[in-house]
Amino acid sequence: MTEEVARKIKSAFGKQQVDIYNVKDSPDEALQQYDNLIFGTSAWGIGDMQDDWERWIYALEKIDFSGKKVALFGLGDQVKYPESFVDGLGTLYCRLPDKSVVVGEWPVKGYKYYFSLADKNGKFVGLVLDEHNQKEETDERIRKWVLQLKKVFV
């Protein structure tokens, strides 16, 4: 589902060049060539980050994010896991060494959950999608989020 969402995000950027990488196959050096980055993750089980991120999560701590802008998106299931909704996204955010580079926060309105590591001060740290329970909202949420990103990705 995360890969499918990444393709939708790429499509929403229209003619702008957007490259998609799978974190399990991508060298750390690939990040250095971009000024604007979008990281996406799902949450497995009770909020665990998807396995492919395990190697990369430590690599993030070594990357110089100076001059870069980083947007995040995460998938979760607010009905089955309301106590750990999109915690993978929150973990990803927490592991970024410089939070000041993060752009693209997203409102918590429209979601029903008890707790989320991705909820910081009443907003999500990035785009949140629930493909299990709100799939009909996905395309519009992506459209709005990408419009937001186009204003800051210059």
C-alpha atoms as a PDB file:
ATOM      1  CA  MET A   1       0.000   0.000   0.000  1.00  0.00           C
ATOM      2  CA  THR A   2       2.853   2.390   0.757  1.00  0.00           C
ATOM      3  CA  GLU A   3       4.303   1.896  -2.713  1.00  0.00           C
ATOM      4  CA  GLU A   4       0.901   2.519  -4.298  1.00  0.00           C
ATOM      5  CA  VAL A   5       0.511   5.734  -2.291  1.00  0.00           C
ATOM      6  CA  ALA A   6       4.026   6.825  -3.330  1.00  0.00           C
ATOM      7  CA  ARG A   7       3.002   6.432  -6.971  1.00  0.00           C
ATOM      8  CA  LYS A   8      -0.130   8.508  -6.365  1.00  0.00           C
ATOM      9  CA  ILE A   9       1.961  11.226  -4.741  1.00  0.00           C
ATOM     10  CA  LYS A  10       4.342  11.188  -7.699  1.00  0.00           C
ATOM     11  CA  SER A  11       1.387  11.506 -10.073  1.00  0.00           C
ATOM     12  CA  ALA A  12      -0.039  14.421  -8.065  1.00  0.00           C
ATOM     13  CA  PHE A  13       3.194  16.364  -8.653  1.00  0.00           C
ATOM     14  CA  GLY A  14       2.345  16.328 -12.363  1.00  0.00           C
ATOM     15  CA  LYS A  15       5.224  17.284 -14.636  1.00  0.00           C
ATOM     16  CA  GLN A  16       7.666  17.875 -11.805  1.00  0.00           C
ATOM     17  CA  GLN A  17      10.323  15.181 -11.673  1.00  0.00           C
ATOM     18  CA  VAL A  18       9.793  12.805  -8.781  1.00  0.00           C
ATOM     19  CA  ASP A  19      11.889   9.693  -8.307  1.00  0.00           C
ATOM     20  CA  ILE A  20      10.686   6.774  -6.188  1.00  0.00           C
ATOM     21  CA  TYR A  21      13.069   4.517  -4.290  1.00  0.00           C
ATOM     22  CA  ASN A  22      12.383   1.482  -2.153  1.00  0.00           C
ATOM     23  CA  VAL A  23      14.342   1.976   1.061  1.00  0.00           C
ATOM     24  CA  LYS A  24      15.468  -1.636   1.192  1.00  0.00           C
ATOM     25  CA  ASP A  25      17.231  -1.264  -2.176  1.00  0.00           C
ATOM     26  CA  SER A  26      18.476   2.329  -1.998  1.00  0.00           C
ATOM     27  CA  PRO A  27      21.990   3.393  -1.076  1.00  0.00           C
ATOM     28  CA  ASP A  28      22.281   6.109   1.566  1.00  0.00           C
ATOM     29  CA  GLU A  29      24.139   8.295  -0.936  1.00  0.00           C
ATOM     30  CA  ALA A  30      20.997   8.559  -3.095  1.00  0.00           C
ATOM     31  CA  LEU A  31      19.574  11.043  -0.575  1.00  0.00           C
ATOM     32  CA  GLN A  32      22.410  13.495  -1.059  1.00  0.00           C
ATOM     33  CA  GLN A  33      21.411  14.355  -4.631  1.00  0.00           C
ATOM     34  CA  TYR A  34      18.003  15.749  -3.625  1.00  0.00           C
ATOM     35  CA  ASP A  35      17.042  18.981  -1.878  1.00  0.00           C
ATOM     36  CA  ASN A  36      13.460  17.807  -1.326  1.00  0.00           C
ATOM     37  CA  LEU A  37      12.727  14.386   0.109  1.00  0.00           C
ATOM     38  CA  ILE A  38       9.537  12.506   0.927  1.00  0.00           C
ATOM     39  CA  PHE A  39       9.723   9.483   3.196  1.00  0.00           C
ATOM     40  CA  GLY A  40       6.804   7.116   3.580  1.00  0.00           C
ATOM     41  CA  THR A  41       6.148   4.207   5.881  1.00  0.00           C
ATOM     42  CA  SER A  42       3.378   1.937   6.957  1.00  0.00           C
ATOM     43  CA  ALA A  43       2.766   0.764  10.493  1.00  0.00           C
ATOM     44  CA  TRP A  44       2.772  -2.960  11.114  1.00  0.00           C
ATOM     45  CA  GLY A  45       1.006  -4.613  13.984  1.00  0.00           C
ATOM     46  CA  ILE A  46       0.854  -2.401  17.019  1.00  0.00           C
ATOM     47  CA  GLY A  47       2.561   0.605  15.470  1.00  0.00           C
ATOM     48  CA  ASP A  48       5.844  -1.003  14.468  1.00  0.00           C
ATOM     49  CA  MET A  49       7.732   0.521  11.578  1.00  0.00           C
ATOM     50  CA  GLN A  50       7.907  -1.594   8.445  1.00  0.00           C
ATOM     51  CA  ASP A  51      10.974  -3.898   8.401  1.00  0.00           C
ATOM     52  CA  ASP A  52      12.679  -2.289   5.389  1.00  0.00           C
ATOM     53  CA  TRP A  53      13.174   0.852   7.434  1.00  0.00           C
ATOM     54  CA  GLU A  54      15.272  -0.925  10.074  1.00  0.00           C
ATOM     55  CA  ARG A  55      18.562  -0.473   8.196  1.00  0.00           C
ATOM     56  CA  TRP A  56      17.694   2.967   6.969  1.00  0.00           C
ATOM     57  CA  ILE A  57      16.534   4.407  10.270  1.00  0.00           C
ATOM     58  CA  TYR A  58      20.129   4.367  11.528  1.00  0.00           C
ATOM     59  CA  ALA A  59      21.425   5.806   8.255  1.00  0.00           C
ATOM     60  CA  LEU A  60      19.197   8.853   8.747  1.00  0.00           C
ATOM     61  CA  GLU A  61      21.186   9.834  11.813  1.00  0.00           C
ATOM     62  CA  LYS A  62      24.354  10.129   9.692  1.00  0.00           C
ATOM     63  CA  ILE A  63      22.913  12.198   6.831  1.00  0.00           C
ATOM     64  CA  ASP A  64      23.469  15.932   6.642  1.00  0.00           C
ATOM     65  CA  PHE A  65      20.030  17.428   6.079  1.00  0.00           C
ATOM     66  CA  SER A  66      21.314  21.009   5.830  1.00  0.00           C
ATOM     67  CA  GLY A  67      19.479  22.831   3.044  1.00  0.00           C
ATOM     68  CA  LYS A  68      17.005  20.001   2.565  1.00  0.00           C
ATOM     69  CA  LYS A  69      13.266  19.825   3.122  1.00  0.00           C
ATOM     70  CA  VAL A  70      11.739  16.545   4.236  1.00  0.00           C
ATOM     71  CA  ALA A  71       8.066  15.605   4.031  1.00  0.00           C
ATOM     72  CA  LEU A  72       6.678  12.458   5.617  1.00  0.00           C
ATOM     73  CA  PHE A  73       3.659  10.275   5.012  1.00  0.00           C
ATOM     74  CA  GLY A  74       2.397   7.279   6.896  1.00  0.00           C
ATOM     75  CA  LEU A  75      -0.257   4.606   6.630  1.00  0.00           C
ATOM     76  CA  GLY A  76      -2.149   3.071   9.501  1.00  0.00           C
ATOM     77  CA  ASP A  77      -5.408   1.532  10.647  1.00  0.00           C
ATOM     78  CA  GLN A  78      -7.269   3.765  13.098  1.00  0.00           C
ATOM     79  CA  VAL A  79     -10.011   1.210  13.785  1.00  0.00           C
ATOM     80  CA  LYS A  80      -7.899  -1.860  14.506  1.00  0.00           C
ATOM     81  CA  TYR A  81      -5.003   0.034  16.137  1.00  0.00           C
ATOM     82  CA  PRO A  82      -6.420   3.276  17.609  1.00  0.00           C
ATOM     83  CA  GLU A  83      -3.867   3.215  20.440  1.00  0.00           C
ATOM     84  CA  SER A  84      -0.876   3.177  18.081  1.00  0.00           C
ATOM     85  CA  PHE A  85      -2.250   4.806  14.933  1.00  0.00           C
ATOM     86  CA  VAL A  86       0.517   5.595  12.391  1.00  0.00           C
ATOM     87  CA  ASP A  87       3.195   5.118  15.041  1.00  0.00           C
ATOM     88  CA  GLY A  88       5.626   4.131  12.274  1.00  0.00           C
ATOM     89  CA  LEU A  89       5.353   7.698  10.980  1.00  0.00           C
ATOM     90  CA  GLY A  90       5.992   9.049  14.464  1.00  0.00           C
ATOM     91  CA  THR A  91       9.046   6.817  14.863  1.00  0.00           C
ATOM     92  CA  LEU A  92      10.418   7.990  11.528  1.00  0.00           C
ATOM     93  CA  TYR A  93       9.973  11.612  12.594  1.00  0.00           C
ATOM     94  CA  CYS A  94      11.628  10.982  15.952  1.00  0.00           C
ATOM     95  CA  ARG A  95      14.699   9.469  14.287  1.00  0.00           C
ATOM     96  CA  LEU A  96      15.325  12.446  12.009  1.00  0.00           C
ATOM     97  CA  PRO A  97      18.302  14.285  13.465  1.00  0.00           C
ATOM     98  CA  ASP A  98      16.991  17.757  12.503  1.00  0.00           C
ATOM     99  CA  LYS A  99      13.236  18.250  12.941  1.00  0.00           C
ATOM    100  CA  SER A 100      13.454  21.800  11.538  1.00  0.00           C
ATOM    101  CA  VAL A 101      13.695  20.396   7.993  1.00  0.00           C
ATOM    102  CA  VAL A 102      10.317  18.646   8.234  1.00  0.00           C
ATOM    103  CA  VAL A 103       7.504  20.196   6.191  1.00  0.00           C
ATOM    104  CA  GLY A 104       3.997  19.078   5.298  1.00  0.00           C
ATOM    105  CA  GLU A 105       2.258  18.664   8.628  1.00  0.00           C
ATOM    106  CA  TRP A 106      -1.307  17.403   8.422  1.00  0.00           C
ATOM    107  CA  PRO A 107      -4.455  18.066  10.514  1.00  0.00           C
ATOM    108  CA  VAL A 108      -5.684  15.397  12.927  1.00  0.00           C
ATOM    109  CA  LYS A 109      -9.309  16.326  12.178  1.00  0.00           C
ATOM    110  CA  GLY A 110     -11.146  13.537  10.379  1.00  0.00           C
ATOM    111  CA  TYR A 111      -9.404  10.667  12.169  1.00  0.00           C
ATOM    112  CA  LYS A 112     -10.521   8.706  15.241  1.00  0.00           C
ATOM    113  CA  TYR A 113      -7.749   7.280  17.394  1.00  0.00           C
ATOM    114  CA  TYR A 114      -6.635   7.274  21.025  1.00  0.00           C
ATOM    115  CA  PHE A 115      -2.907   7.812  20.648  1.00  0.00           C
ATOM    116  CA  SER A 116      -0.340   8.335  17.919  1.00  0.00           C
ATOM    117  CA  LEU A 117       3.404   8.987  18.039  1.00  0.00           C
ATOM    118  CA  ALA A 118       2.848  10.998  14.849  1.00  0.00           C
ATOM    119  CA  ASP A 119       0.582  13.520  16.645  1.00  0.00           C
ATOM    120  CA  LYS A 120       2.722  16.457  17.746  1.00  0.00           C
ATOM    121  CA  ASN A 121       0.934  19.436  19.280  1.00  0.00           C
ATOM    122  CA  GLY A 122      -2.421  18.549  17.726  1.00  0.00           C
ATOM    123  CA  LYS A 123      -1.135  17.952  14.170  1.00  0.00           C
ATOM    124  CA  PHE A 124       0.356  14.977  12.422  1.00  0.00           C
ATOM    125  CA  VAL A 125       4.015  15.323  11.430  1.00  0.00           C
ATOM    126  CA  GLY A 126       3.057  14.403   7.858  1.00  0.00           C
ATOM    127  CA  LEU A 127       0.278  13.109   5.658  1.00  0.00           C
ATOM    128  CA  VAL A 128      -1.702  10.308   7.297  1.00  0.00           C
ATOM    129  CA  LEU A 129      -3.690   7.785   5.288  1.00  0.00           C
ATOM    130  CA  ASP A 130      -5.896   4.913   6.390  1.00  0.00           C
ATOM    131  CA  GLU A 131      -6.316   2.649   3.379  1.00  0.00           C
ATOM    132  CA  HIS A 132      -8.341   0.169   5.416  1.00  0.00           C
ATOM    133  CA  ASN A 133     -11.088   2.467   6.660  1.00  0.00           C
ATOM    134  CA  GLN A 134     -10.894   5.730   4.692  1.00  0.00           C
ATOM    135  CA  LYS A 135      -9.617   4.719   1.260  1.00  0.00           C
ATOM    136  CA  GLU A 136     -12.157   7.053  -0.353  1.00  0.00           C
ATOM    137  CA  GLU A 137     -10.337   9.998   1.293  1.00  0.00           C
ATOM    138  CA  THR A 138      -6.873   9.095  -0.009  1.00  0.00           C
ATOM    139  CA  ASP A 139      -6.812  10.812  -3.407  1.00  0.00           C
ATOM    140  CA  GLU A 140      -8.164  14.111  -2.076  1.00  0.00           C
ATOM    141  CA  ARG A 141      -5.809  14.076   0.901  1.00  0.00           C
ATOM    142  CA  ILE A 142      -2.847  13.446  -1.405  1.00  0.00           C
ATOM    143  CA  ARG A 143      -3.970  16.233  -3.739  1.00  0.00           C
ATOM    144  CA  LYS A 144      -4.201  18.756  -0.883  1.00  0.00           C
ATOM    145  CA  TRP A 145      -0.919  17.655   0.681  1.00  0.00           C
ATOM    146  CA  VAL A 146       0.997  17.865  -2.589  1.00  0.00           C
ATOM    147  CA  LEU A 147      -0.379  21.377  -3.192  1.00  0.00           C
ATOM    148  CA  GLN A 148       0.967  22.271   0.251  1.00  0.00           C
ATOM    149  CA  LEU A 149       4.362  20.733  -0.570  1.00  0.00           C
ATOM    150  CA  LYS A 150       4.654  22.496  -3.933  1.00  0.00           C
ATOM    151  CA  LYS A 151       4.636  25.807  -2.037  1.00  0.00           C
ATOM    152  CA  VAL A 152       7.591  24.822   0.142  1.00  0.00           C
ATOM    153  CA  PHE A 153       9.533  22.605  -2.262  1.00  0.00           C
ATOM    154  CA  VAL A 154      11.266  25.340  -4.261  1.00  0.00           C
END
